[in-house]
Structure formats: structure tokens, C-alpha cells
């Protein structure tokens, strides 16, 4: 399941965030505290895990947005 794997990836990138605080509707910046550096690290980790590439135009604001993006990219 993508969500469970994402929690692992989030924990590696931002270990200060408790996994219990990561929900599908969590906002990446406001709720999880991601900044430009951690967003980049997260993107690279996800790209490596799923063999996808993030478009610069991708508008990802929530964990669910990330899940949907991964699902879309891996189904092509």
C-alpha cells in the first residue's frame, strides 16, 4: 500500500514527525513542516522507490495528493 510506504519515507526524511501524525489529509507544509529542502529530499526518495519523476508543475499540498500522483505515474 502506497500510504504505508510513504509513512516510511516520511520518517526517513523528517524523523521528528511522529508517524501517527501523518494522515492522508495532512498538509505537507503546514501540518508536517516540510520546507523546500525536505520537499526535495522527499521527492528524490519517492522517485527512487517508485521509479517515477516529479514534474516541476506538480501541485502537491497533502499526503493524499502525493499518493494520487504516485498512482497516476505508476499506472502509465
PDB file of N, CA and C in Angstrom:
ATOM      1  N   UNK A   1       0.850  -1.184   0.000  1.00  0.00           N
ATOM      2  CA  UNK A   1       0.000   0.000   0.000  1.00  0.00           C
ATOM      3  C   UNK A   1       0.894   1.245   0.000  1.00  0.00           C
ATOM      4  N   UNK A   2       0.540   2.171  -0.862  1.00  0.00           N
ATOM      5  CA  UNK A   2       1.355   3.376  -1.040  1.00  0.00           C
ATOM      6  C   UNK A   2       1.429   4.197   0.243  1.00  0.00           C
ATOM      7  N   UNK A   3       0.309   4.347   0.936  1.00  0.00           N
ATOM      8  CA  UNK A   3       0.294   5.177   2.145  1.00  0.00           C
ATOM      9  C   UNK A   3       1.282   4.660   3.190  1.00  0.00           C
ATOM     10  N   UNK A   4       1.292   3.353   3.403  1.00  0.00           N
ATOM     11  CA  UNK A   4       2.202   2.767   4.396  1.00  0.00           C
ATOM     12  C   UNK A   4       3.661   2.991   4.017  1.00  0.00           C
ATOM     13  N   UNK A   5       3.978   2.831   2.733  1.00  0.00           N
ATOM     14  CA  UNK A   5       5.349   3.056   2.271  1.00  0.00           C
ATOM     15  C   UNK A   5       5.713   4.529   2.407  1.00  0.00           C
ATOM     16  N   UNK A   6       4.753   5.424   2.120  1.00  0.00           N
ATOM     17  CA  UNK A   6       5.007   6.857   2.262  1.00  0.00           C
ATOM     18  C   UNK A   6       5.336   7.225   3.704  1.00  0.00           C
ATOM     19  N   UNK A   7       4.659   6.609   4.650  1.00  0.00           N
ATOM     20  CA  UNK A   7       4.956   6.880   6.059  1.00  0.00           C
ATOM     21  C   UNK A   7       6.419   6.535   6.351  1.00  0.00           C
ATOM     22  N   UNK A   8       6.891   5.400   5.825  1.00  0.00           N
ATOM     23  CA  UNK A   8       8.304   5.031   5.998  1.00  0.00           C
ATOM     24  C   UNK A   8       9.225   6.084   5.398  1.00  0.00           C
ATOM     25  N   UNK A   9       8.888   6.532   4.188  1.00  0.00           N
ATOM     26  CA  UNK A   9       9.709   7.530   3.506  1.00  0.00           C
ATOM     27  C   UNK A   9       9.700   8.835   4.290  1.00  0.00           C
ATOM     28  N   UNK A  10       8.521   9.264   4.744  1.00  0.00           N
ATOM     29  CA  UNK A  10       8.420  10.486   5.545  1.00  0.00           C
ATOM     30  C   UNK A  10       9.279  10.372   6.798  1.00  0.00           C
ATOM     31  N   UNK A  11       9.253   9.218   7.455  1.00  0.00           N
ATOM     32  CA  UNK A  11      10.026   9.029   8.677  1.00  0.00           C
ATOM     33  C   UNK A  11      11.526   9.123   8.418  1.00  0.00           C
ATOM     34  N   UNK A  12      11.966   8.694   7.250  1.00  0.00           N
ATOM     35  CA  UNK A  12      13.382   8.807   6.900  1.00  0.00           C
ATOM     36  C   UNK A  12      13.772  10.247   6.604  1.00  0.00           C
ATOM     37  N   UNK A  13      12.865  10.995   5.989  1.00  0.00           N
ATOM     38  CA  UNK A  13      13.160  12.375   5.585  1.00  0.00           C
ATOM     39  C   UNK A  13      12.952  13.352   6.742  1.00  0.00           C
ATOM     40  N   UNK A  14      11.867  13.164   7.486  1.00  0.00           N
ATOM     41  CA  UNK A  14      11.544  14.057   8.608  1.00  0.00           C
ATOM     42  C   UNK A  14      11.275  13.221   9.868  1.00  0.00           C
ATOM     43  N   UNK A  15      12.329  12.668  10.469  1.00  0.00           N
ATOM     44  CA  UNK A  15      12.154  11.778  11.617  1.00  0.00           C
ATOM     45  C   UNK A  15      11.524  12.448  12.838  1.00  0.00           C
ATOM     46  N   UNK A  16      11.549  13.772  12.881  1.00  0.00           N
ATOM     47  CA  UNK A  16      10.960  14.463  14.032  1.00  0.00           C
ATOM     48  C   UNK A  16       9.431  14.437  14.021  1.00  0.00           C
ATOM     49  N   UNK A  17       8.830  14.053  12.897  1.00  0.00           N
ATOM     50  CA  UNK A  17       7.374  13.949  12.819  1.00  0.00           C
ATOM     51  C   UNK A  17       6.976  12.522  13.168  1.00  0.00           C
ATOM     52  N   UNK A  18       6.105  12.380  14.143  1.00  0.00           N
ATOM     53  CA  UNK A  18       5.626  11.072  14.568  1.00  0.00           C
ATOM     54  C   UNK A  18       4.764  10.459  13.469  1.00  0.00           C
ATOM     55  N   UNK A  19       4.957   9.178  13.204  1.00  0.00           N
ATOM     56  CA  UNK A  19       4.194   8.523  12.137  1.00  0.00           C
ATOM     57  C   UNK A  19       2.691   8.581  12.391  1.00  0.00           C
ATOM     58  N   UNK A  20       2.284   8.646  13.649  1.00  0.00           N
ATOM     59  CA  UNK A  20       0.867   8.756  13.983  1.00  0.00           C
ATOM     60  C   UNK A  20       0.263  10.099  13.615  1.00  0.00           C
ATOM     61  N   UNK A  21       1.127  11.082  13.337  1.00  0.00           N
ATOM     62  CA  UNK A  21       0.656  12.410  12.938  1.00  0.00           C
ATOM     63  C   UNK A  21       0.531  12.555  11.429  1.00  0.00           C
ATOM     64  N   UNK A  22       0.878  11.509  10.692  1.00  0.00           N
ATOM     65  CA  UNK A  22       0.811  11.560   9.234  1.00  0.00           C
ATOM     66  C   UNK A  22      -0.485  10.902   8.784  1.00  0.00           C
ATOM     67  N   UNK A  23      -1.351  11.701   8.196  1.00  0.00           N
ATOM     68  CA  UNK A  23      -2.645  11.234   7.705  1.00  0.00           C
ATOM     69  C   UNK A  23      -2.777  11.609   6.238  1.00  0.00           C
ATOM     70  N   UNK A  24      -3.710  10.975   5.553  1.00  0.00           N
ATOM     71  CA  UNK A  24      -3.891  11.266   4.128  1.00  0.00           C
ATOM     72  C   UNK A  24      -4.240  12.725   3.875  1.00  0.00           C
ATOM     73  N   UNK A  25      -4.926  13.364   4.818  1.00  0.00           N
ATOM     74  CA  UNK A  25      -5.313  14.766   4.614  1.00  0.00           C
ATOM     75  C   UNK A  25      -4.310  15.751   5.230  1.00  0.00           C
ATOM     76  N   UNK A  26      -3.187  15.247   5.725  1.00  0.00           N
ATOM     77  CA  UNK A  26      -2.162  16.130   6.301  1.00  0.00           C
ATOM     78  C   UNK A  26      -1.571  17.030   5.228  1.00  0.00           C
ATOM     79  N   UNK A  27      -1.453  18.313   5.570  1.00  0.00           N
ATOM     80  CA  UNK A  27      -0.814  19.270   4.667  1.00  0.00           C
ATOM     81  C   UNK A  27       0.695  19.127   4.803  1.00  0.00           C
ATOM     82  N   UNK A  28       1.386  19.056   3.680  1.00  0.00           N
ATOM     83  CA  UNK A  28       2.825  18.804   3.701  1.00  0.00           C
ATOM     84  C   UNK A  28       3.595  19.903   4.417  1.00  0.00           C
ATOM     85  N   UNK A  29       3.251  21.150   4.144  1.00  0.00           N
ATOM     86  CA  UNK A  29       3.986  22.271   4.738  1.00  0.00           C
ATOM     87  C   UNK A  29       3.428  22.621   6.112  1.00  0.00           C
ATOM     88  N   UNK A  30       2.138  22.881   6.178  1.00  0.00           N
ATOM     89  CA  UNK A  30       1.536  23.369   7.417  1.00  0.00           C
ATOM     90  C   UNK A  30       1.505  22.324   8.531  1.00  0.00           C
ATOM     91  N   UNK A  31       1.130  21.083   8.197  1.00  0.00           N
ATOM     92  CA  UNK A  31       0.984  20.053   9.229  1.00  0.00           C
ATOM     93  C   UNK A  31       2.277  19.276   9.502  1.00  0.00           C
ATOM     94  N   UNK A  32       3.020  18.986   8.447  1.00  0.00           N
ATOM     95  CA  UNK A  32       4.207  18.140   8.593  1.00  0.00           C
ATOM     96  C   UNK A  32       5.504  18.927   8.623  1.00  0.00           C
ATOM     97  N   UNK A  33       5.423  20.221   8.348  1.00  0.00           N
ATOM     98  CA  UNK A  33       6.588  21.088   8.471  1.00  0.00           C
ATOM     99  C   UNK A  33       7.629  20.950   7.372  1.00  0.00           C
ATOM    100  N   UNK A  34       7.227  20.439   6.205  1.00  0.00           N
ATOM    101  CA  UNK A  34       8.192  20.337   5.118  1.00  0.00           C
ATOM    102  C   UNK A  34       8.577  21.718   4.613  1.00  0.00           C
ATOM    103  N   UNK A  35       9.833  21.858   4.229  1.00  0.00           N
ATOM    104  CA  UNK A  35      10.314  23.090   3.601  1.00  0.00           C
ATOM    105  C   UNK A  35      10.890  22.700   2.241  1.00  0.00           C
ATOM    106  N   UNK A  36      11.499  23.632   1.550  1.00  0.00           N
ATOM    107  CA  UNK A  36      11.975  23.327   0.198  1.00  0.00           C
ATOM    108  C   UNK A  36      13.010  22.198   0.193  1.00  0.00           C
ATOM    109  N   UNK A  37      13.872  22.158   1.189  1.00  0.00           N
ATOM    110  CA  UNK A  37      14.882  21.099   1.249  1.00  0.00           C
ATOM    111  C   UNK A  37      14.254  19.737   1.527  1.00  0.00           C
ATOM    112  N   UNK A  38      13.383  19.668   2.526  1.00  0.00           N
ATOM    113  CA  UNK A  38      12.767  18.376   2.848  1.00  0.00           C
ATOM    114  C   UNK A  38      11.820  17.932   1.738  1.00  0.00           C
ATOM    115  N   UNK A  39      11.201  18.874   1.034  1.00  0.00           N
ATOM    116  CA  UNK A  39      10.351  18.517  -0.115  1.00  0.00           C
ATOM    117  C   UNK A  39      11.205  17.869  -1.198  1.00  0.00           C
ATOM    118  N   UNK A  40      12.383  18.427  -1.438  1.00  0.00           N
ATOM    119  CA  UNK A  40      13.278  17.876  -2.448  1.00  0.00           C
ATOM    120  C   UNK A  40      13.755  16.480  -2.037  1.00  0.00           C
ATOM    121  N   UNK A  41      14.127  16.319  -0.772  1.00  0.00           N
ATOM    122  CA  UNK A  41      14.562  15.010  -0.280  1.00  0.00           C
ATOM    123  C   UNK A  41      13.439  13.982  -0.365  1.00  0.00           C
ATOM    124  N   UNK A  42      12.232  14.410  -0.044  1.00  0.00           N
ATOM    125  CA  UNK A  42      11.068  13.536  -0.137  1.00  0.00           C
ATOM    126  C   UNK A  42      10.837  13.114  -1.584  1.00  0.00           C
ATOM    127  N   UNK A  43      10.894  14.078  -2.500  1.00  0.00           N
ATOM    128  CA  UNK A  43      10.682  13.785  -3.921  1.00  0.00           C
ATOM    129  C   UNK A  43      11.717  12.786  -4.432  1.00  0.00           C
ATOM    130  N   UNK A  44      12.978  12.988  -4.079  1.00  0.00           N
ATOM    131  CA  UNK A  44      14.043  12.077  -4.526  1.00  0.00           C
ATOM    132  C   UNK A  44      13.815  10.671  -3.964  1.00  0.00           C
ATOM    133  N   UNK A  45      13.437  10.580  -2.712  1.00  0.00           N
ATOM    134  CA  UNK A  45      13.179   9.273  -2.095  1.00  0.00           C
ATOM    135  C   UNK A  45      12.016   8.560  -2.775  1.00  0.00           C
ATOM    136  N   UNK A  46      10.959   9.309  -3.079  1.00  0.00           N
ATOM    137  CA  UNK A  46       9.791   8.722  -3.751  1.00  0.00           C
ATOM    138  C   UNK A  46      10.153   8.317  -5.178  1.00  0.00           C
ATOM    139  N   UNK A  47      10.907   9.164  -5.864  1.00  0.00           N
ATOM    140  CA  UNK A  47      11.335   8.838  -7.227  1.00  0.00           C
ATOM    141  C   UNK A  47      12.153   7.548  -7.236  1.00  0.00           C
ATOM    142  N   UNK A  48      13.059   7.407  -6.282  1.00  0.00           N
ATOM    143  CA  UNK A  48      13.882   6.200  -6.188  1.00  0.00           C
ATOM    144  C   UNK A  48      13.034   4.970  -5.877  1.00  0.00           C
ATOM    145  N   UNK A  49      12.095   5.113  -4.976  1.00  0.00           N
ATOM    146  CA  UNK A  49      11.258   3.986  -4.553  1.00  0.00           C
ATOM    147  C   UNK A  49      10.329   3.507  -5.665  1.00  0.00           C
ATOM    148  N   UNK A  50       9.730   4.445  -6.388  1.00  0.00           N
ATOM    149  CA  UNK A  50       8.698   4.093  -7.365  1.00  0.00           C
ATOM    150  C   UNK A  50       9.143   4.209  -8.820  1.00  0.00           C
ATOM    151  N   UNK A  51      10.367   4.655  -9.066  1.00  0.00           N
ATOM    152  CA  UNK A  51      10.852   4.766 -10.434  1.00  0.00           C
ATOM    153  C   UNK A  51      10.100   5.789 -11.265  1.00  0.00           C
ATOM    154  N   UNK A  52       9.689   6.876 -10.616  1.00  0.00           N
ATOM    155  CA  UNK A  52       8.962   7.940 -11.304  1.00  0.00           C
ATOM    156  C   UNK A  52       9.771   9.226 -11.220  1.00  0.00           C
ATOM    157  N   UNK A  53       9.318  10.229 -11.961  1.00  0.00           N
ATOM    158  CA  UNK A  53       9.936  11.548 -11.914  1.00  0.00           C
ATOM    159  C   UNK A  53       8.854  12.572 -11.628  1.00  0.00           C
ATOM    160  N   UNK A  54       9.116  13.450 -10.675  1.00  0.00           N
ATOM    161  CA  UNK A  54       8.161  14.509 -10.361  1.00  0.00           C
ATOM    162  C   UNK A  54       8.287  15.635 -11.372  1.00  0.00           C
ATOM    163  N   UNK A  55       7.157  16.089 -11.877  1.00  0.00           N
ATOM    164  CA  UNK A  55       7.121  17.258 -12.750  1.00  0.00           C
ATOM    165  C   UNK A  55       7.240  18.501 -11.884  1.00  0.00           C
ATOM    166  N   UNK A  56       7.948  19.502 -12.375  1.00  0.00           N
ATOM    167  CA  UNK A  56       8.065  20.764 -11.637  1.00  0.00           C
ATOM    168  C   UNK A  56       6.712  21.423 -11.435  1.00  0.00           C
ATOM    169  N   UNK A  57       5.764  21.112 -12.316  1.00  0.00           N
ATOM    170  CA  UNK A  57       4.445  21.744 -12.242  1.00  0.00           C
ATOM    171  C   UNK A  57       3.494  21.030 -11.277  1.00  0.00           C
ATOM    172  N   UNK A  58       3.920  19.907 -10.711  1.00  0.00           N
ATOM    173  CA  UNK A  58       3.047  19.153  -9.804  1.00  0.00           C
ATOM    174  C   UNK A  58       2.690  20.000  -8.585  1.00  0.00           C
ATOM    175  N   UNK A  59       1.409  20.097  -8.300  1.00  0.00           N
ATOM    176  CA  UNK A  59       0.916  20.861  -7.153  1.00  0.00           C
ATOM    177  C   UNK A  59       0.511  19.870  -6.062  1.00  0.00           C
ATOM    178  N   UNK A  60       1.431  19.586  -5.189  1.00  0.00           N
ATOM    179  CA  UNK A  60       1.196  18.613  -4.133  1.00  0.00           C
ATOM    180  C   UNK A  60       1.129  19.331  -2.798  1.00  0.00           C
ATOM    181  N   UNK A  61      -0.056  19.322  -2.209  1.00  0.00           N
ATOM    182  CA  UNK A  61      -0.247  20.029  -0.943  1.00  0.00           C
ATOM    183  C   UNK A  61      -0.511  19.094   0.228  1.00  0.00           C
ATOM    184  N   UNK A  62      -1.072  17.921  -0.055  1.00  0.00           N
ATOM    185  CA  UNK A  62      -1.401  16.976   1.008  1.00  0.00           C
ATOM    186  C   UNK A  62      -0.750  15.624   0.732  1.00  0.00           C
ATOM    187  N   UNK A  63      -0.737  14.784   1.744  1.00  0.00           N
ATOM    188  CA  UNK A  63      -0.231  13.424   1.577  1.00  0.00           C
ATOM    189  C   UNK A  63      -1.054  12.710   0.512  1.00  0.00           C
ATOM    190  N   UNK A  64      -2.360  12.926   0.503  1.00  0.00           N
ATOM    191  CA  UNK A  64      -3.220  12.289  -0.488  1.00  0.00           C
ATOM    192  C   UNK A  64      -2.873  12.742  -1.906  1.00  0.00           C
ATOM    193  N   UNK A  65      -2.469  14.005  -2.069  1.00  0.00           N
ATOM    194  CA  UNK A  65      -2.018  14.484  -3.382  1.00  0.00           C
ATOM    195  C   UNK A  65      -0.806  13.678  -3.845  1.00  0.00           C
ATOM    196  N   UNK A  66       0.093  13.392  -2.927  1.00  0.00           N
ATOM    197  CA  UNK A  66       1.295  12.615  -3.253  1.00  0.00           C
ATOM    198  C   UNK A  66       0.897  11.193  -3.651  1.00  0.00           C
ATOM    199  N   UNK A  67      -0.014  10.596  -2.898  1.00  0.00           N
ATOM    200  CA  UNK A  67      -0.495   9.246  -3.211  1.00  0.00           C
ATOM    201  C   UNK A  67      -1.112   9.216  -4.606  1.00  0.00           C
ATOM    202  N   UNK A  68      -1.979  10.170  -4.898  1.00  0.00           N
ATOM    203  CA  UNK A  68      -2.633  10.230  -6.212  1.00  0.00           C
ATOM    204  C   UNK A  68      -1.615  10.401  -7.326  1.00  0.00           C
ATOM    205  N   UNK A  69      -0.611  11.230  -7.083  1.00  0.00           N
ATOM    206  CA  UNK A  69       0.433  11.468  -8.082  1.00  0.00           C
ATOM    207  C   UNK A  69       1.201  10.174  -8.356  1.00  0.00           C
ATOM    208  N   UNK A  70       1.574   9.465  -7.302  1.00  0.00           N
ATOM    209  CA  UNK A  70       2.291   8.197  -7.459  1.00  0.00           C
ATOM    210  C   UNK A  70       1.425   7.197  -8.219  1.00  0.00           C
ATOM    211  N   UNK A  71       0.158   7.084  -7.835  1.00  0.00           N
ATOM    212  CA  UNK A  71      -0.747   6.153  -8.514  1.00  0.00           C
ATOM    213  C   UNK A  71      -0.852   6.481  -9.996  1.00  0.00           C
ATOM    214  N   UNK A  72      -0.993   7.758 -10.304  1.00  0.00           N
ATOM    215  CA  UNK A  72      -1.104   8.187 -11.699  1.00  0.00           C
ATOM    216  C   UNK A  72       0.162   7.850 -12.478  1.00  0.00           C
ATOM    217  N   UNK A  73       1.316   8.142 -11.915  1.00  0.00           N
ATOM    218  CA  UNK A  73       2.592   7.928 -12.608  1.00  0.00           C
ATOM    219  C   UNK A  73       2.955   6.447 -12.741  1.00  0.00           C
ATOM    220  N   UNK A  74       2.552   5.624 -11.787  1.00  0.00           N
ATOM    221  CA  UNK A  74       2.918   4.209 -11.847  1.00  0.00           C
ATOM    222  C   UNK A  74       1.952   3.400 -12.705  1.00  0.00           C
ATOM    223  N   UNK A  75       0.811   3.966 -13.062  1.00  0.00           N
ATOM    224  CA  UNK A  75      -0.151   3.263 -13.913  1.00  0.00           C
ATOM    225  C   UNK A  75       0.100   3.511 -15.388  1.00  0.00           C
ATOM    226  N   UNK A  76       1.064   4.370 -15.705  1.00  0.00           N
ATOM    227  CA  UNK A  76       1.338   4.689 -17.115  1.00  0.00           C
ATOM    228  C   UNK A  76       2.348   3.737 -17.692  1.00  0.00           C
TER     229      UNK A  76
END
